[in-house]
Protein backbone atom coordinates (compact mmCIF):
# COMPACT_ATOMS: atom_id res chain seq x y z
CA UNK A 1 2.28 -74.78 99.39
CA UNK A 2 2.32 -72.48 96.44
CA UNK A 3 -1.01 -72.60 96.71
CA UNK A 4 -1.44 -71.22 100.04
CA UNK A 5 1.45 -68.60 99.58
CA UNK A 6 -0.90 -67.27 96.69
CA UNK A 7 -3.59 -67.44 98.72
CA UNK A 8 -3.42 -63.95 100.68
CA UNK A 9 -2.22 -62.31 97.26
CA UNK A 10 -5.66 -62.86 95.46
CA UNK A 11 -7.78 -62.23 98.74
CA UNK A 12 -5.62 -58.49 98.62
CA UNK A 13 -6.13 -58.38 95.11
CA UNK A 14 -9.85 -59.07 95.31
CA UNK A 15 -10.38 -56.78 98.34
CA UNK A 16 -8.44 -53.86 96.74
CA UNK A 17 -10.82 -54.21 93.49
CA UNK A 18 -13.84 -54.47 95.03
CA UNK A 19 -12.84 -51.62 97.71
CA UNK A 20 -12.33 -49.88 94.42
CA UNK A 21 -15.72 -50.35 93.37
CA UNK A 22 -17.15 -49.85 96.12
CA UNK A 23 -15.61 -46.27 96.29
CA UNK A 24 -16.17 -45.58 92.26
CA UNK A 25 -20.16 -46.20 93.73
CA UNK A 26 -20.13 -44.31 97.08
CA UNK A 27 -17.90 -40.89 96.23
CA UNK A 28 -20.20 -39.96 93.31
CA UNK A 29 -23.75 -40.82 95.65
CA UNK A 30 -22.19 -38.88 98.48
CA UNK A 31 -21.08 -35.69 96.52
CA UNK A 32 -24.80 -35.51 95.23
CA UNK A 33 -26.30 -35.53 98.26
CA UNK A 34 -23.64 -33.36 99.81
CA UNK A 35 -24.27 -30.97 96.76
CA UNK A 36 -28.20 -31.05 97.15
CA UNK A 37 -27.76 -29.09 100.65
CA UNK A 38 -25.30 -26.45 99.42
CA UNK A 39 -26.26 -22.68 98.42
CA UNK A 40 -26.31 -22.09 94.90
CA UNK A 41 -23.30 -19.60 95.71
CA UNK A 42 -21.07 -22.55 96.95
CA UNK A 43 -21.22 -24.32 93.50
CA UNK A 44 -18.42 -21.50 92.24
CA UNK A 45 -16.23 -22.03 94.32
CA UNK A 46 -14.64 -25.77 94.85
CA UNK A 47 -16.56 -28.64 93.77
CA UNK A 48 -15.06 -30.88 96.82
CA UNK A 49 -15.85 -28.13 99.48
CA UNK A 50 -18.13 -29.13 102.28
CA UNK A 51 -21.56 -27.02 102.86
CA UNK A 52 -21.20 -23.68 105.09
CA UNK A 53 -24.54 -24.67 106.41
CA UNK A 54 -27.76 -27.44 105.56
CA UNK A 55 -29.99 -25.58 103.09
CA UNK A 56 -32.90 -27.98 103.17
CA UNK A 57 -34.93 -24.87 100.83
CA UNK A 58 -33.57 -27.22 98.07
CA UNK A 59 -35.76 -29.42 98.28
CA UNK A 60 -38.51 -26.88 99.27
CA UNK A 61 -38.13 -25.56 95.76
CA UNK A 62 -37.38 -28.93 94.05
CA UNK A 63 -40.34 -30.61 95.63
CA UNK A 64 -43.35 -27.55 94.65
CA UNK A 65 -41.58 -25.43 92.63
CA UNK A 66 -40.28 -28.16 90.38
CA UNK A 67 -43.44 -30.26 90.85
CA UNK A 68 -41.16 -33.45 91.89
CA UNK A 69 -43.48 -34.11 94.99
CA UNK A 70 -46.11 -34.33 92.00
CA UNK A 71 -43.86 -36.81 89.75
CA UNK A 72 -43.12 -38.89 92.50
CA UNK A 73 -47.11 -39.67 93.36
CA UNK A 74 -47.44 -40.49 89.63
CA UNK A 75 -43.71 -43.08 90.14
CA UNK A 76 -45.56 -44.31 93.34
CA UNK A 77 -48.93 -45.16 91.83
CA UNK A 78 -47.20 -46.21 88.28
CA UNK A 79 -44.99 -48.29 90.66
CA UNK A 80 -47.60 -50.12 93.21
CA UNK A 81 -50.01 -50.48 90.28
CA UNK A 82 -47.19 -52.08 87.88
CA UNK A 83 -45.86 -54.60 90.66
CA UNK A 84 -49.41 -55.88 92.03
CA UNK A 85 -50.24 -56.67 88.31
CA UNK A 86 -47.53 -58.35 87.36
CA UNK A 87 -47.74 -60.47 90.97
CA UNK A 88 -51.67 -61.07 90.03
CA UNK A 89 -50.54 -62.17 86.79
CA UNK A 90 -46.86 -63.46 87.05
CA UNK A 91 -47.22 -66.04 90.58
CA UNK A 92 -50.29 -68.37 89.07
CA UNK A 93 -48.54 -68.83 85.80
CA UNK A 94 -45.50 -69.41 87.33
CA UNK A 95 -46.78 -71.79 89.63
CA UNK A 96 -48.89 -73.68 86.74
CA UNK A 97 -45.95 -73.66 84.68
CA UNK A 98 -43.74 -74.89 87.18
CA UNK A 99 -45.76 -77.59 89.56
CA UNK A 100 -48.60 -79.20 86.61
CA UNK A 101 -47.95 -81.00 83.37
CA UNK A 102 -50.41 -80.14 80.66
CA UNK A 103 -50.65 -80.03 76.55
CA UNK A 104 -49.23 -76.01 76.13
CA UNK A 105 -46.71 -75.85 78.93
CA UNK A 106 -43.81 -76.25 76.35
CA UNK A 107 -44.68 -74.25 74.61
CA UNK A 108 -45.64 -71.30 77.00
CA UNK A 109 -42.25 -71.98 78.44
CA UNK A 110 -40.47 -71.41 75.16
CA UNK A 111 -42.63 -68.23 74.53
CA UNK A 112 -41.33 -66.73 78.25
CA UNK A 113 -37.68 -67.53 77.44
CA UNK A 114 -37.63 -65.87 74.08
CA UNK A 115 -39.31 -63.08 75.81
CA UNK A 116 -35.86 -62.66 77.76
CA UNK A 117 -34.62 -61.88 74.67
CA UNK A 118 -36.65 -59.15 73.45
CA UNK A 119 -35.17 -56.02 74.90
CA UNK A 120 -38.07 -53.52 75.78
CA UNK A 121 -36.70 -50.53 74.38
CA UNK A 122 -36.72 -52.00 70.80
CA UNK A 123 -40.51 -52.77 71.15
CA UNK A 124 -41.69 -49.25 72.31
CA UNK A 125 -42.43 -47.37 69.12
CA UNK A 126 -44.87 -50.13 67.68
CA UNK A 127 -46.71 -49.95 71.44
CA UNK A 128 -46.50 -46.02 70.78
CA UNK A 129 -47.96 -46.65 67.10
CA UNK A 130 -50.44 -49.45 68.17
CA UNK A 131 -52.11 -46.87 70.94
CA UNK A 132 -52.18 -43.79 68.55
CA UNK A 133 -55.01 -46.19 66.32
CA UNK A 134 -56.36 -47.23 69.86
CA UNK A 135 -56.67 -43.64 70.85
CA UNK A 136 -57.89 -42.55 66.68
CA UNK A 137 -60.74 -45.98 67.17
CA UNK A 138 -61.74 -44.78 70.42
CA UNK A 139 -62.13 -40.99 68.85
CA UNK A 140 -63.79 -42.52 66.24
CA UNK A 141 -66.40 -43.87 68.66
CA UNK A 142 -67.11 -41.12 70.57
CA UNK A 143 -65.16 -41.75 73.74
CA UNK A 144 -61.91 -39.69 74.65
CA UNK A 145 -58.22 -41.19 74.26
CA UNK A 146 -57.59 -43.46 77.07
CA UNK A 147 -54.16 -45.61 76.32
CA UNK A 148 -51.47 -42.60 75.76
CA UNK A 149 -50.73 -40.06 78.43
CA UNK A 150 -52.27 -42.79 80.91
CA UNK A 151 -50.26 -43.90 83.88
CA UNK A 152 -51.94 -46.62 84.73
CA UNK A 153 -51.68 -47.92 81.26
CA UNK A 154 -48.14 -46.96 81.70
CA UNK A 155 -48.01 -49.47 84.51
CA UNK A 156 -49.74 -52.33 82.84
CA UNK A 157 -47.19 -51.74 80.18
CA UNK A 158 -44.46 -52.54 82.70
CA UNK A 159 -46.19 -55.20 84.10
CA UNK A 160 -46.63 -56.85 80.54
CA UNK A 161 -42.83 -56.22 79.52
CA UNK A 162 -41.17 -57.87 82.93
CA UNK A 163 -43.34 -61.17 82.93
CA UNK A 164 -40.95 -63.44 81.09
CA UNK A 165 -38.04 -62.42 83.38
CA UNK A 166 -40.54 -62.78 86.73
CA UNK A 167 -42.22 -66.05 85.66
CA UNK A 168 -38.62 -67.40 84.46
CA UNK A 169 -36.94 -66.12 87.96
CA UNK A 170 -40.62 -67.69 89.97
CA UNK A 171 -40.63 -71.16 88.23
CA UNK A 172 -37.13 -71.99 88.45
CA UNK A 173 -37.76 -71.42 92.36
CA UNK A 174 -41.00 -72.96 92.47
CA UNK A 175 -39.87 -76.05 90.73
CA UNK A 176 -37.37 -76.80 93.70
CA UNK A 177 -39.79 -77.18 96.35
CA UNK A 178 -40.81 -80.54 97.14
CA UNK A 179 -44.45 -81.94 96.15
CA UNK A 180 -44.57 -83.81 99.22
CA UNK A 181 -46.38 -80.41 100.67
CA UNK A 182 -49.18 -80.00 98.12
CA UNK A 183 -49.83 -84.17 98.19
CA UNK A 184 -50.33 -83.18 102.40
CA UNK A 185 -52.25 -80.28 101.49
CA UNK A 186 -54.64 -81.83 98.63
CA UNK A 187 -55.13 -84.78 101.51
CA UNK A 188 -56.22 -81.98 103.96
CA UNK A 189 -58.93 -81.32 101.50
CA UNK A 190 -56.93 -78.11 100.07
CA UNK A 191 -57.86 -77.07 96.43
CA UNK A 192 -55.39 -75.95 93.81
CA UNK A 193 -55.91 -71.92 94.32
CA UNK A 194 -56.08 -72.22 98.59
CA UNK A 195 -52.57 -74.84 98.13
CA UNK A 196 -51.00 -72.18 96.02
CA UNK A 197 -51.69 -69.06 98.26
CA UNK A 198 -51.47 -71.41 101.99
CA UNK A 199 -48.73 -73.44 101.34
CA UNK A 200 -46.33 -72.82 98.27
CA UNK A 201 -46.11 -68.78 98.14
CA UNK A 202 -45.19 -68.54 101.73
CA UNK A 203 -42.59 -71.00 100.95
CA UNK A 204 -41.36 -69.01 97.55
CA UNK A 205 -41.06 -65.98 100.03
CA UNK A 206 -37.31 -65.41 99.21
CA UNK A 207 -37.68 -65.56 95.48
CA UNK A 208 -40.88 -63.46 95.53
CA UNK A 209 -38.76 -60.50 97.72
CA UNK A 210 -36.63 -60.68 94.97
CA UNK A 211 -38.58 -60.30 92.03
CA UNK A 212 -39.85 -57.13 93.79
CA UNK A 213 -37.08 -55.76 94.34
CA UNK A 214 -35.75 -56.21 90.90
CA UNK A 215 -39.20 -54.83 89.36
CA UNK A 216 -39.25 -51.53 91.95
CA UNK A 217 -35.63 -50.31 90.83
CA UNK A 218 -36.90 -51.26 86.84
CA UNK A 219 -39.83 -49.66 87.05
CA UNK A 220 -38.91 -46.48 89.40
CA UNK A 221 -36.17 -45.99 87.48
CA UNK A 222 -37.60 -46.56 83.66
CA UNK A 223 -37.34 -43.76 81.55
CA UNK A 224 -37.59 -44.50 77.61
CA UNK A 225 -41.00 -46.02 77.75
CA UNK A 226 -42.21 -43.33 80.40
CA UNK A 227 -41.16 -40.21 77.91
CA UNK A 228 -42.78 -42.05 75.01
CA UNK A 229 -46.55 -42.70 76.39
CA UNK A 230 -46.07 -39.92 78.72
CA UNK A 231 -45.75 -37.29 75.41
CA UNK A 232 -48.33 -34.93 76.85
CA UNK A 233 -46.29 -31.65 77.51
CA UNK A 234 -48.86 -30.66 80.41
CA UNK A 235 -49.58 -34.35 81.11
CA UNK A 236 -48.61 -36.10 84.01
CA UNK A 237 -44.83 -37.46 84.41
CA UNK A 238 -42.84 -40.21 86.02
CA UNK A 239 -39.91 -39.07 88.05
CA UNK A 240 -37.45 -39.32 85.86
CA UNK A 241 -38.63 -38.30 82.71
CA UNK A 242 -39.52 -35.15 85.64
CA UNK A 243 -36.00 -34.87 87.01
CA UNK A 244 -35.06 -34.75 83.23
CA UNK A 245 -37.33 -31.95 82.40
CA UNK A 246 -35.54 -30.46 85.93
CA UNK A 247 -32.09 -31.01 84.99
CA UNK A 248 -32.59 -29.14 81.55
CA UNK A 249 -34.63 -26.39 83.33
CA UNK A 250 -31.66 -25.74 86.26
CA UNK A 251 -28.85 -26.18 83.89
CA UNK A 252 -30.00 -23.33 82.13
CA UNK A 253 -30.90 -21.64 85.06
CA UNK A 254 -27.67 -22.34 86.92
CA UNK A 255 -29.71 -23.39 89.83
CA UNK A 256 -27.63 -26.34 90.77
CA UNK A 257 -28.41 -26.99 94.20
CA UNK A 258 -32.36 -27.46 93.20
CA UNK A 259 -31.36 -29.82 90.80
CA UNK A 260 -29.11 -32.13 92.79
CA UNK A 261 -32.13 -32.05 95.59
CA UNK A 262 -34.35 -34.00 92.53
CA UNK A 263 -31.34 -36.13 92.12
CA UNK A 264 -31.60 -37.15 96.03
CA UNK A 265 -35.66 -37.42 95.54
CA UNK A 266 -35.11 -39.99 93.11
CA UNK A 267 -32.64 -42.11 94.87
CA UNK A 268 -33.82 -42.14 98.15
CA UNK A 269 -36.45 -44.47 97.63
CA UNK A 270 -34.66 -46.65 96.52
CA UNK A 271 -32.05 -46.56 99.16
CA UNK A 272 -34.17 -47.07 101.64
CA UNK A 273 -36.19 -49.96 100.29
CA UNK A 274 -33.01 -51.84 99.72
CA UNK A 275 -31.94 -50.87 103.18
CA UNK A 276 -34.85 -52.50 104.39
CA UNK A 277 -35.12 -55.76 102.22
CA UNK A 278 -31.52 -56.25 101.81
CA UNK A 279 -31.24 -59.29 104.18
CA UNK A 280 -34.27 -61.03 102.46
CA UNK A 281 -32.44 -60.07 99.11
CA UNK A 282 -29.09 -61.53 99.86
CA UNK A 283 -31.01 -65.11 101.54
CA UNK A 284 -33.46 -65.09 98.47
CA UNK A 285 -30.66 -64.87 95.84
CA UNK A 286 -28.45 -67.46 98.19
CA UNK A 287 -31.56 -69.84 98.02
CA UNK A 288 -32.01 -69.49 94.86
CA UNK A 289 -28.37 -70.36 94.21
CA UNK A 290 -28.68 -73.56 95.96
CA UNK A 291 -31.18 -75.06 95.15
CA UNK A 292 -29.92 -74.18 91.38
């Protein structure tokens, strides 16, 4: 009886906490969107006042004058290349580690597990120094510097640093798929690669989508590695680094509308992607939880 009486109270507390958490996220995000369509003169009144009209010029100026369009293109290239490299390397690796028994399997699993405990921000300086030495060596041999201020190298670094988490997550899902599917494919004459591509990977689609979304968020919003490896002030920048430059410049010039428009440009792709794949993401996490 006491348990039944306490149940509604527990539900009320849970809903209250969830409601407060939702408000703490929705209100700041909504405020940024509203601020991005305000004229600059409107920022000197009440910050909660609604805009008098929709002022899209902030986005035009942020996209063109503040180079946010160029930064966004760089971020798209870096994120897409990093995801492609990551999937091409991690899917076969996770498949082999989860489905086959071979001599170095245990050691490789331990090494990938150990990688989960290494914060990439702690190794960014050694990576930077290594690239400086590599560029010096290239210069010594008469070639142009290649490793620093190169968005494609940055993408490879992103992919490499995300491998432990991705392989761990994919392996955990792949190991739960019954081996009877593979055995049936082998009997039909399918090889290892074809079995992986045609049979196993389609079944692992929820976990692959989960991996893509998590890593997309990580690569799209990453700042520390990007500002370290793209150190040339006149070189290409990714969106978070460009946004930081924009915030410094627009704060000094008191162009707040342009600054908030830049923030919206950074957030918008993430929100759109989440809306597009939220069902698949939830299914993937639920299936992973049930199978685990």
